[in-house]
All heavy atoms as atom14 arrays in JSON, in Angstrom:
{
  "sequence": "ECALTKSEIRERSKEAGLFTWEKPAYACLATRIPAGTEIT",
  "atom14_mask": [
    [1, 1, 1, 1, 1, 1, 1, 1, 1, 0, 0, 0, 0, 0],
    [1, 1, 1, 1, 1, 1, 0, 0, 0, 0, 0, 0, 0, 0],
    [1, 1, 1, 1, 1, 0, 0, 0, 0, 0, 0, 0, 0, 0],
    [1, 1, 1, 1, 1, 1, 1, 1, 0, 0, 0, 0, 0, 0],
    [1, 1, 1, 1, 1, 1, 1, 0, 0, 0, 0, 0, 0, 0],
    [1, 1, 1, 1, 1, 1, 1, 1, 1, 0, 0, 0, 0, 0],
    [1, 1, 1, 1, 1, 1, 0, 0, 0, 0, 0, 0, 0, 0],
    [1, 1, 1, 1, 1, 1, 1, 1, 1, 0, 0, 0, 0, 0],
    [1, 1, 1, 1, 1, 1, 1, 1, 0, 0, 0, 0, 0, 0],
    [1, 1, 1, 1, 1, 1, 1, 1, 1, 1, 1, 0, 0, 0],
    [1, 1, 1, 1, 1, 1, 1, 1, 1, 0, 0, 0, 0, 0],
    [1, 1, 1, 1, 1, 1, 1, 1, 1, 1, 1, 0, 0, 0],
    [1, 1, 1, 1, 1, 1, 0, 0, 0, 0, 0, 0, 0, 0],
    [1, 1, 1, 1, 1, 1, 1, 1, 1, 0, 0, 0, 0, 0],
    [1, 1, 1, 1, 1, 1, 1, 1, 1, 0, 0, 0, 0, 0],
    [1, 1, 1, 1, 1, 0, 0, 0, 0, 0, 0, 0, 0, 0],
    [1, 1, 1, 1, 0, 0, 0, 0, 0, 0, 0, 0, 0, 0],
    [1, 1, 1, 1, 1, 1, 1, 1, 0, 0, 0, 0, 0, 0],
    [1, 1, 1, 1, 1, 1, 1, 1, 1, 1, 1, 0, 0, 0],
    [1, 1, 1, 1, 1, 1, 1, 0, 0, 0, 0, 0, 0, 0],
    [1, 1, 1, 1, 1, 1, 1, 1, 1, 1, 1, 1, 1, 1],
    [1, 1, 1, 1, 1, 1, 1, 1, 1, 0, 0, 0, 0, 0],
    [1, 1, 1, 1, 1, 1, 1, 1, 1, 0, 0, 0, 0, 0],
    [1, 1, 1, 1, 1, 1, 1, 0, 0, 0, 0, 0, 0, 0],
    [1, 1, 1, 1, 1, 0, 0, 0, 0, 0, 0, 0, 0, 0],
    [1, 1, 1, 1, 1, 1, 1, 1, 1, 1, 1, 1, 0, 0],
    [1, 1, 1, 1, 1, 0, 0, 0, 0, 0, 0, 0, 0, 0],
    [1, 1, 1, 1, 1, 1, 0, 0, 0, 0, 0, 0, 0, 0],
    [1, 1, 1, 1, 1, 1, 1, 1, 0, 0, 0, 0, 0, 0],
    [1, 1, 1, 1, 1, 0, 0, 0, 0, 0, 0, 0, 0, 0],
    [1, 1, 1, 1, 1, 1, 1, 0, 0, 0, 0, 0, 0, 0],
    [1, 1, 1, 1, 1, 1, 1, 1, 1, 1, 1, 0, 0, 0],
    [1, 1, 1, 1, 1, 1, 1, 1, 0, 0, 0, 0, 0, 0],
    [1, 1, 1, 1, 1, 1, 1, 0, 0, 0, 0, 0, 0, 0],
    [1, 1, 1, 1, 1, 0, 0, 0, 0, 0, 0, 0, 0, 0],
    [1, 1, 1, 1, 0, 0, 0, 0, 0, 0, 0, 0, 0, 0],
    [1, 1, 1, 1, 1, 1, 1, 0, 0, 0, 0, 0, 0, 0],
    [1, 1, 1, 1, 1, 1, 1, 1, 1, 0, 0, 0, 0, 0],
    [1, 1, 1, 1, 1, 1, 1, 1, 0, 0, 0, 0, 0, 0],
    [1, 1, 1, 1, 1, 1, 1, 0, 0, 0, 0, 0, 0, 0]
  ],
  "atom14_positions": [
    [[-91.15, 144.52, 269.31], [-90.99, 144.51, 270.76], [-90.1, 145.66, 271.24], [-90.3, 146.19, 272.34], [-90.4, 143.18, 271.23], [-91.34, 142.0, 271.06], [-90.72, 140.69, 271.51], [-89.84, 140.72, 272.39], [-91.11, 139.63, 270.97], [0.0, 0.0, 0.0], [0.0, 0.0, 0.0], [0.0, 0.0, 0.0], [0.0, 0.0, 0.0], [0.0, 0.0, 0.0]],
    [[-89.13, 146.03, 270.42], [-88.21, 147.11, 270.78], [-88.67, 148.47, 270.24], [-87.9, 149.45, 270.26], [-86.81, 146.79, 270.26], [-86.08, 145.32, 271.02], [0.0, 0.0, 0.0], [0.0, 0.0, 0.0], [0.0, 0.0, 0.0], [0.0, 0.0, 0.0], [0.0, 0.0, 0.0], [0.0, 0.0, 0.0], [0.0, 0.0, 0.0], [0.0, 0.0, 0.0]],
    [[-89.92, 148.51, 269.75], [-90.55, 149.76, 269.3], [-89.8, 150.46, 268.17], [-89.77, 151.69, 268.08], [-90.73, 150.73, 270.48], [0.0, 0.0, 0.0], [0.0, 0.0, 0.0], [0.0, 0.0, 0.0], [0.0, 0.0, 0.0], [0.0, 0.0, 0.0], [0.0, 0.0, 0.0], [0.0, 0.0, 0.0], [0.0, 0.0, 0.0], [0.0, 0.0, 0.0]],
    [[-89.2, 149.68, 267.28], [-88.49, 150.25, 266.13], [-89.45, 150.43, 264.96], [-90.08, 149.48, 264.51], [-87.32, 149.36, 265.73], [-86.13, 149.33, 266.69], [-85.11, 148.29, 266.26], [-85.47, 150.7, 266.77], [0.0, 0.0, 0.0], [0.0, 0.0, 0.0], [0.0, 0.0, 0.0], [0.0, 0.0, 0.0], [0.0, 0.0, 0.0], [0.0, 0.0, 0.0]],
    [[-89.55, 151.66, 264.46], [-90.43, 151.95, 263.35], [-89.71, 151.73, 262.02], [-88.49, 151.58, 261.98], [-90.91, 153.41, 263.4], [-89.77, 154.27, 263.26], [-91.62, 153.71, 264.71], [0.0, 0.0, 0.0], [0.0, 0.0, 0.0], [0.0, 0.0, 0.0], [0.0, 0.0, 0.0], [0.0, 0.0, 0.0], [0.0, 0.0, 0.0], [0.0, 0.0, 0.0]],
    [[-90.48, 151.76, 260.94], [-89.9, 151.56, 259.61], [-88.83, 152.59, 259.29], [-87.75, 152.26, 258.79], [-91.02, 151.65, 258.56], [-90.6, 151.22, 257.16], [-90.52, 149.71, 257.09], [-90.4, 149.21, 255.68], [-90.5, 147.74, 255.6], [0.0, 0.0, 0.0], [0.0, 0.0, 0.0], [0.0, 0.0, 0.0], [0.0, 0.0, 0.0], [0.0, 0.0, 0.0]],
    [[-89.11, 153.86, 259.6], [-88.14, 154.91, 259.29], [-86.86, 154.73, 260.1], [-85.75, 154.95, 259.59], [-88.74, 156.29, 259.55], [-89.15, 156.42, 260.9], [0.0, 0.0, 0.0], [0.0, 0.0, 0.0], [0.0, 0.0, 0.0], [0.0, 0.0, 0.0], [0.0, 0.0, 0.0], [0.0, 0.0, 0.0], [0.0, 0.0, 0.0], [0.0, 0.0, 0.0]],
    [[-86.99, 154.32, 261.36], [-85.8, 154.09, 262.19], [-84.99, 152.92, 261.65], [-83.75, 152.95, 261.65], [-86.22, 153.8, 263.63], [-86.77, 155.02, 264.37], [-87.31, 154.68, 265.74], [-88.12, 153.72, 265.83], [-86.92, 155.34, 266.71], [0.0, 0.0, 0.0], [0.0, 0.0, 0.0], [0.0, 0.0, 0.0], [0.0, 0.0, 0.0], [0.0, 0.0, 0.0]],
    [[-85.67, 151.89, 261.19], [-84.99, 150.71, 260.66], [-84.25, 151.07, 259.38], [-83.11, 150.63, 259.15], [-86.0, 149.57, 260.41], [-86.55, 149.07, 261.76], [-85.35, 148.42, 259.65], [-87.79, 148.23, 261.64], [0.0, 0.0, 0.0], [0.0, 0.0, 0.0], [0.0, 0.0, 0.0], [0.0, 0.0, 0.0], [0.0, 0.0, 0.0], [0.0, 0.0, 0.0]],
    [[-84.85, 151.89, 258.53], [-84.17, 152.34, 257.31], [-82.9, 153.14, 257.67], [-81.85, 152.94, 257.06], [-85.11, 153.19, 256.45], [-86.18, 152.39, 255.73], [-86.89, 153.25, 254.69], [-87.98, 152.55, 254.04], [-87.84, 151.68, 253.05], [-86.63, 151.42, 252.59], [-88.89, 151.09, 252.51], [0.0, 0.0, 0.0], [0.0, 0.0, 0.0], [0.0, 0.0, 0.0]],
    [[-83.02, 154.02, 258.65], [-81.87, 154.84, 259.04], [-80.76, 153.97, 259.6], [-79.58, 154.14, 259.27], [-82.31, 155.88, 260.08], [-81.21, 156.86, 260.48], [-80.66, 157.66, 259.32], [-81.43, 157.98, 258.38], [-79.44, 157.95, 259.33], [0.0, 0.0, 0.0], [0.0, 0.0, 0.0], [0.0, 0.0, 0.0], [0.0, 0.0, 0.0], [0.0, 0.0, 0.0]],
    [[-81.12, 153.03, 260.46], [-80.11, 152.14, 261.04], [-79.48, 151.24, 259.97], [-78.29, 150.94, 260.02], [-80.74, 151.28, 262.13], [-81.14, 152.05, 263.39], [-81.53, 151.1, 264.49], [-81.92, 151.8, 265.7], [-81.98, 151.22, 266.89], [-81.66, 149.93, 267.02], [-82.35, 151.9, 267.96], [0.0, 0.0, 0.0], [0.0, 0.0, 0.0], [0.0, 0.0, 0.0]],
    [[-80.29, 150.83, 259.02], [-79.78, 149.99, 257.93], [-78.78, 150.76, 257.08], [-77.75, 150.21, 256.65], [-80.93, 149.49, 257.05], [-81.82, 148.67, 257.78], [0.0, 0.0, 0.0], [0.0, 0.0, 0.0], [0.0, 0.0, 0.0], [0.0, 0.0, 0.0], [0.0, 0.0, 0.0], [0.0, 0.0, 0.0], [0.0, 0.0, 0.0], [0.0, 0.0, 0.0]],
    [[-79.07, 152.03, 256.85], [-78.15, 152.88, 256.08], [-76.82, 153.02, 256.82], [-75.75, 152.89, 256.22], [-78.78, 154.25, 255.85], [-77.94, 155.17, 254.97], [-78.66, 156.5, 254.75], [-77.85, 157.41, 253.84], [-78.55, 158.71, 253.63], [0.0, 0.0, 0.0], [0.0, 0.0, 0.0], [0.0, 0.0, 0.0], [0.0, 0.0, 0.0], [0.0, 0.0, 0.0]],
    [[-76.89, 153.25, 258.13], [-75.68, 153.39, 258.93], [-74.87, 152.09, 258.94], [-73.64, 152.12, 258.99], [-76.06, 153.76, 260.37], [-76.64, 155.17, 260.51], [-77.17, 155.45, 261.89], [-77.13, 154.51, 262.75], [-77.64, 156.58, 262.14], [0.0, 0.0, 0.0], [0.0, 0.0, 0.0], [0.0, 0.0, 0.0], [0.0, 0.0, 0.0], [0.0, 0.0, 0.0]],
    [[-75.59, 150.96, 258.86], [-74.92, 149.66, 258.88], [-74.35, 149.27, 257.51], [-73.64, 148.27, 257.38], [-75.89, 148.58, 259.36], [0.0, 0.0, 0.0], [0.0, 0.0, 0.0], [0.0, 0.0, 0.0], [0.0, 0.0, 0.0], [0.0, 0.0, 0.0], [0.0, 0.0, 0.0], [0.0, 0.0, 0.0], [0.0, 0.0, 0.0], [0.0, 0.0, 0.0]],
    [[-74.69, 150.06, 256.48], [-74.2, 149.77, 255.14], [-74.96, 148.68, 254.41], [-74.44, 148.07, 253.47], [0.0, 0.0, 0.0], [0.0, 0.0, 0.0], [0.0, 0.0, 0.0], [0.0, 0.0, 0.0], [0.0, 0.0, 0.0], [0.0, 0.0, 0.0], [0.0, 0.0, 0.0], [0.0, 0.0, 0.0], [0.0, 0.0, 0.0], [0.0, 0.0, 0.0]],
    [[-76.21, 148.45, 254.82], [-77.03, 147.42, 254.16], [-77.67, 148.0, 252.9], [-78.31, 149.06, 252.96], [-78.13, 146.92, 255.11], [-77.67, 146.37, 256.47], [-78.87, 145.95, 257.29], [-76.71, 145.2, 256.28], [0.0, 0.0, 0.0], [0.0, 0.0, 0.0], [0.0, 0.0, 0.0], [0.0, 0.0, 0.0], [0.0, 0.0, 0.0], [0.0, 0.0, 0.0]],
    [[-77.53, 147.32, 251.76], [-78.08, 147.86, 250.52], [-79.6, 147.91, 250.53], [-80.22, 148.6, 249.72], [-77.58, 147.06, 249.31], [-78.17, 145.69, 249.17], [-79.41, 145.49, 248.57], [-77.47, 144.56, 249.62], [-79.95, 144.21, 248.42], [-78.0, 143.29, 249.47], [-79.25, 143.12, 248.88], [0.0, 0.0, 0.0], [0.0, 0.0, 0.0], [0.0, 0.0, 0.0]],
    [[-80.21, 147.21, 251.48], [-81.68, 147.16, 251.56], [-82.27, 148.42, 252.19], [-83.5, 148.56, 252.22], [-82.11, 145.95, 252.4], [-81.39, 145.96, 253.65], [-81.82, 144.65, 251.67], [0.0, 0.0, 0.0], [0.0, 0.0, 0.0], [0.0, 0.0, 0.0], [0.0, 0.0, 0.0], [0.0, 0.0, 0.0], [0.0, 0.0, 0.0], [0.0, 0.0, 0.0]],
    [[-81.45, 149.33, 252.69], [-81.97, 150.46, 253.48], [-82.99, 151.3, 252.71], [-83.96, 151.83, 253.28], [-80.82, 151.35, 253.97], [-80.23, 152.28, 252.96], [-79.2, 152.02, 252.12], [-80.65, 153.63, 252.67], [-78.93, 153.11, 251.33], [-79.8, 154.11, 251.65], [-81.64, 154.47, 253.18], [-79.94, 155.39, 251.13], [-81.77, 155.75, 252.66], [-80.93, 156.2, 251.65]],
    [[-82.81, 151.42, 251.4], [-83.74, 152.23, 250.61], [-84.64, 151.38, 249.7], [-85.29, 151.9, 248.8], [-82.97, 153.25, 249.78], [-82.0, 152.64, 248.77], [-81.27, 153.69, 247.96], [-81.69, 154.86, 247.99], [-80.28, 153.33, 247.28], [0.0, 0.0, 0.0], [0.0, 0.0, 0.0], [0.0, 0.0, 0.0], [0.0, 0.0, 0.0], [0.0, 0.0, 0.0]],
    [[-84.67, 150.09, 249.97], [-85.5, 149.2, 249.15], [-86.98, 149.5, 249.4], [-87.42, 149.57, 250.55], [-85.19, 147.74, 249.52], [-85.87, 146.72, 248.63], [-85.4, 145.32, 248.98], [-86.09, 144.28, 248.11], [-85.62, 142.91, 248.42], [0.0, 0.0, 0.0], [0.0, 0.0, 0.0], [0.0, 0.0, 0.0], [0.0, 0.0, 0.0], [0.0, 0.0, 0.0]],
    [[-87.78, 149.69, 248.35], [-89.21, 149.97, 248.54], [-89.91, 148.79, 249.23], [-89.51, 147.64, 249.08], [-89.73, 150.15, 247.11], [-88.52, 150.48, 246.3], [-87.4, 149.72, 246.93], [0.0, 0.0, 0.0], [0.0, 0.0, 0.0], [0.0, 0.0, 0.0], [0.0, 0.0, 0.0], [0.0, 0.0, 0.0], [0.0, 0.0, 0.0], [0.0, 0.0, 0.0]],
    [[-90.96, 149.1, 249.97], [-91.76, 148.04, 250.58], [-92.34, 147.17, 249.46], [-92.71, 147.69, 248.4], [-92.88, 148.65, 251.41], [0.0, 0.0, 0.0], [0.0, 0.0, 0.0], [0.0, 0.0, 0.0], [0.0, 0.0, 0.0], [0.0, 0.0, 0.0], [0.0, 0.0, 0.0], [0.0, 0.0, 0.0], [0.0, 0.0, 0.0], [0.0, 0.0, 0.0]],
    [[-92.4, 145.87, 249.69], [-92.88, 144.98, 248.64], [-93.82, 143.93, 249.24], [-93.44, 143.19, 250.15], [-91.71, 144.28, 247.95], [-92.13, 143.5, 246.73], [-92.23, 144.13, 245.49], [-92.47, 142.16, 246.82], [-92.66, 143.43, 244.38], [-92.9, 141.46, 245.71], [-92.99, 142.09, 244.48], [-93.43, 141.4, 243.38], [0.0, 0.0, 0.0], [0.0, 0.0, 0.0]],
    [[-95.04, 143.9, 248.75], [-96.0, 142.88, 249.17], [-95.99, 141.76, 248.15], [-95.68, 141.98, 246.98], [-97.4, 143.49, 249.28], [0.0, 0.0, 0.0], [0.0, 0.0, 0.0], [0.0, 0.0, 0.0], [0.0, 0.0, 0.0], [0.0, 0.0, 0.0], [0.0, 0.0, 0.0], [0.0, 0.0, 0.0], [0.0, 0.0, 0.0], [0.0, 0.0, 0.0]],
    [[-96.33, 140.56, 248.58], [-96.24, 139.39, 247.69], [-97.14, 139.53, 246.47], [-98.08, 140.32, 246.44], [-96.56, 138.11, 248.46], [-98.32, 137.8, 248.7], [0.0, 0.0, 0.0], [0.0, 0.0, 0.0], [0.0, 0.0, 0.0], [0.0, 0.0, 0.0], [0.0, 0.0, 0.0], [0.0, 0.0, 0.0], [0.0, 0.0, 0.0], [0.0, 0.0, 0.0]],
    [[-96.85, 138.74, 245.45], [-97.57, 138.82, 244.18], [-99.07, 138.55, 244.33], [-99.88, 139.06, 243.55], [-96.97, 137.82, 243.18], [-95.54, 138.12, 242.71], [-94.97, 136.93, 241.94], [-95.5, 139.39, 241.86], [0.0, 0.0, 0.0], [0.0, 0.0, 0.0], [0.0, 0.0, 0.0], [0.0, 0.0, 0.0], [0.0, 0.0, 0.0], [0.0, 0.0, 0.0]],
    [[-99.44, 137.78, 245.33], [-100.86, 137.45, 245.52], [-101.7, 138.69, 245.81], [-102.9, 138.71, 245.54], [-101.02, 136.43, 246.64], [0.0, 0.0, 0.0], [0.0, 0.0, 0.0], [0.0, 0.0, 0.0], [0.0, 0.0, 0.0], [0.0, 0.0, 0.0], [0.0, 0.0, 0.0], [0.0, 0.0, 0.0], [0.0, 0.0, 0.0], [0.0, 0.0, 0.0]],
    [[-101.06, 139.74, 246.35], [-101.81, 140.95, 246.67], [-102.26, 141.7, 245.43], [-103.06, 142.63, 245.51], [-100.97, 141.9, 247.55], [-99.8, 142.3, 246.82], [-100.55, 141.23, 248.85], [0.0, 0.0, 0.0], [0.0, 0.0, 0.0], [0.0, 0.0, 0.0], [0.0, 0.0, 0.0], [0.0, 0.0, 0.0], [0.0, 0.0, 0.0], [0.0, 0.0, 0.0]],
    [[-101.76, 141.32, 244.27], [-102.17, 141.99, 243.03], [-103.5, 141.44, 242.49], [-104.07, 141.99, 241.56], [-101.11, 141.81, 241.93], [-99.67, 142.03, 242.37], [-99.42, 143.42, 242.92], [-97.99, 143.68, 242.95], [-97.2, 143.42, 243.99], [-97.73, 142.93, 245.1], [-95.91, 143.67, 243.94], [0.0, 0.0, 0.0], [0.0, 0.0, 0.0], [0.0, 0.0, 0.0]],
    [[-103.95, 140.34, 243.08], [-105.17, 139.68, 242.61], [-106.28, 139.97, 243.61], [-106.11, 139.71, 244.81], [-104.94, 138.17, 242.46], [-103.79, 137.93, 241.47], [-106.21, 137.47, 241.98], [-103.32, 136.5, 241.39], [0.0, 0.0, 0.0], [0.0, 0.0, 0.0], [0.0, 0.0, 0.0], [0.0, 0.0, 0.0], [0.0, 0.0, 0.0], [0.0, 0.0, 0.0]],
    [[-107.42, 140.49, 243.18], [-108.48, 140.87, 244.11], [-108.96, 139.7, 244.97], [-109.04, 138.56, 244.5], [-109.61, 141.35, 243.18], [-108.93, 141.7, 241.9], [-107.78, 140.75, 241.77], [0.0, 0.0, 0.0], [0.0, 0.0, 0.0], [0.0, 0.0, 0.0], [0.0, 0.0, 0.0], [0.0, 0.0, 0.0], [0.0, 0.0, 0.0], [0.0, 0.0, 0.0]],
    [[-109.25, 139.98, 246.23], [-109.77, 138.94, 247.13], [-111.03, 138.33, 246.53], [-111.86, 139.03, 245.95], [-110.08, 139.56, 248.5], [0.0, 0.0, 0.0], [0.0, 0.0, 0.0], [0.0, 0.0, 0.0], [0.0, 0.0, 0.0], [0.0, 0.0, 0.0], [0.0, 0.0, 0.0], [0.0, 0.0, 0.0], [0.0, 0.0, 0.0], [0.0, 0.0, 0.0]],
    [[-111.12, 137.02, 246.65], [-112.27, 136.31, 246.09], [-112.04, 135.81, 244.68], [-112.8, 135.0, 244.16], [0.0, 0.0, 0.0], [0.0, 0.0, 0.0], [0.0, 0.0, 0.0], [0.0, 0.0, 0.0], [0.0, 0.0, 0.0], [0.0, 0.0, 0.0], [0.0, 0.0, 0.0], [0.0, 0.0, 0.0], [0.0, 0.0, 0.0], [0.0, 0.0, 0.0]],
    [[-110.98, 136.3, 244.02], [-110.61, 135.83, 242.68], [-109.56, 134.74, 242.83], [-108.56, 134.92, 243.52], [-110.03, 136.98, 241.84], [-111.01, 138.02, 241.72], [-109.65, 136.49, 240.46], [0.0, 0.0, 0.0], [0.0, 0.0, 0.0], [0.0, 0.0, 0.0], [0.0, 0.0, 0.0], [0.0, 0.0, 0.0], [0.0, 0.0, 0.0], [0.0, 0.0, 0.0]],
    [[-109.79, 133.6, 242.2], [-108.87, 132.48, 242.34], [-107.44, 132.86, 241.92], [-107.24, 133.54, 240.92], [-109.35, 131.3, 241.49], [-108.45, 130.07, 241.62], [-108.84, 128.95, 240.67], [-109.68, 129.19, 239.77], [-108.31, 127.84, 240.82], [0.0, 0.0, 0.0], [0.0, 0.0, 0.0], [0.0, 0.0, 0.0], [0.0, 0.0, 0.0], [0.0, 0.0, 0.0]],
    [[-106.49, 132.4, 242.69], [-105.08, 132.62, 242.37], [-104.56, 131.41, 241.61], [-104.73, 130.27, 242.05], [-104.24, 132.81, 243.64], [-104.74, 134.01, 244.44], [-102.76, 133.01, 243.29], [-104.06, 134.16, 245.79], [0.0, 0.0, 0.0], [0.0, 0.0, 0.0], [0.0, 0.0, 0.0], [0.0, 0.0, 0.0], [0.0, 0.0, 0.0], [0.0, 0.0, 0.0]],
    [[-103.93, 131.65, 240.47], [-103.34, 130.56, 239.68], [-101.88, 130.88, 239.39], [-101.45, 132.03, 239.49], [-104.08, 130.38, 238.34], [-103.89, 131.56, 237.54], [-105.57, 130.14, 238.56], [0.0, 0.0, 0.0], [0.0, 0.0, 0.0], [0.0, 0.0, 0.0], [0.0, 0.0, 0.0], [0.0, 0.0, 0.0], [0.0, 0.0, 0.0], [0.0, 0.0, 0.0]]
  ]
}
């Protein structure tokens, strides 16, 4: 809603001293399994 992009959020996080500022994007484990293949 405030039009903050990923790069801006990383920069602000760095300024705030948050260790997450350089954390790589991470999608959940289910994304490693092709769609249509049962997840177990």
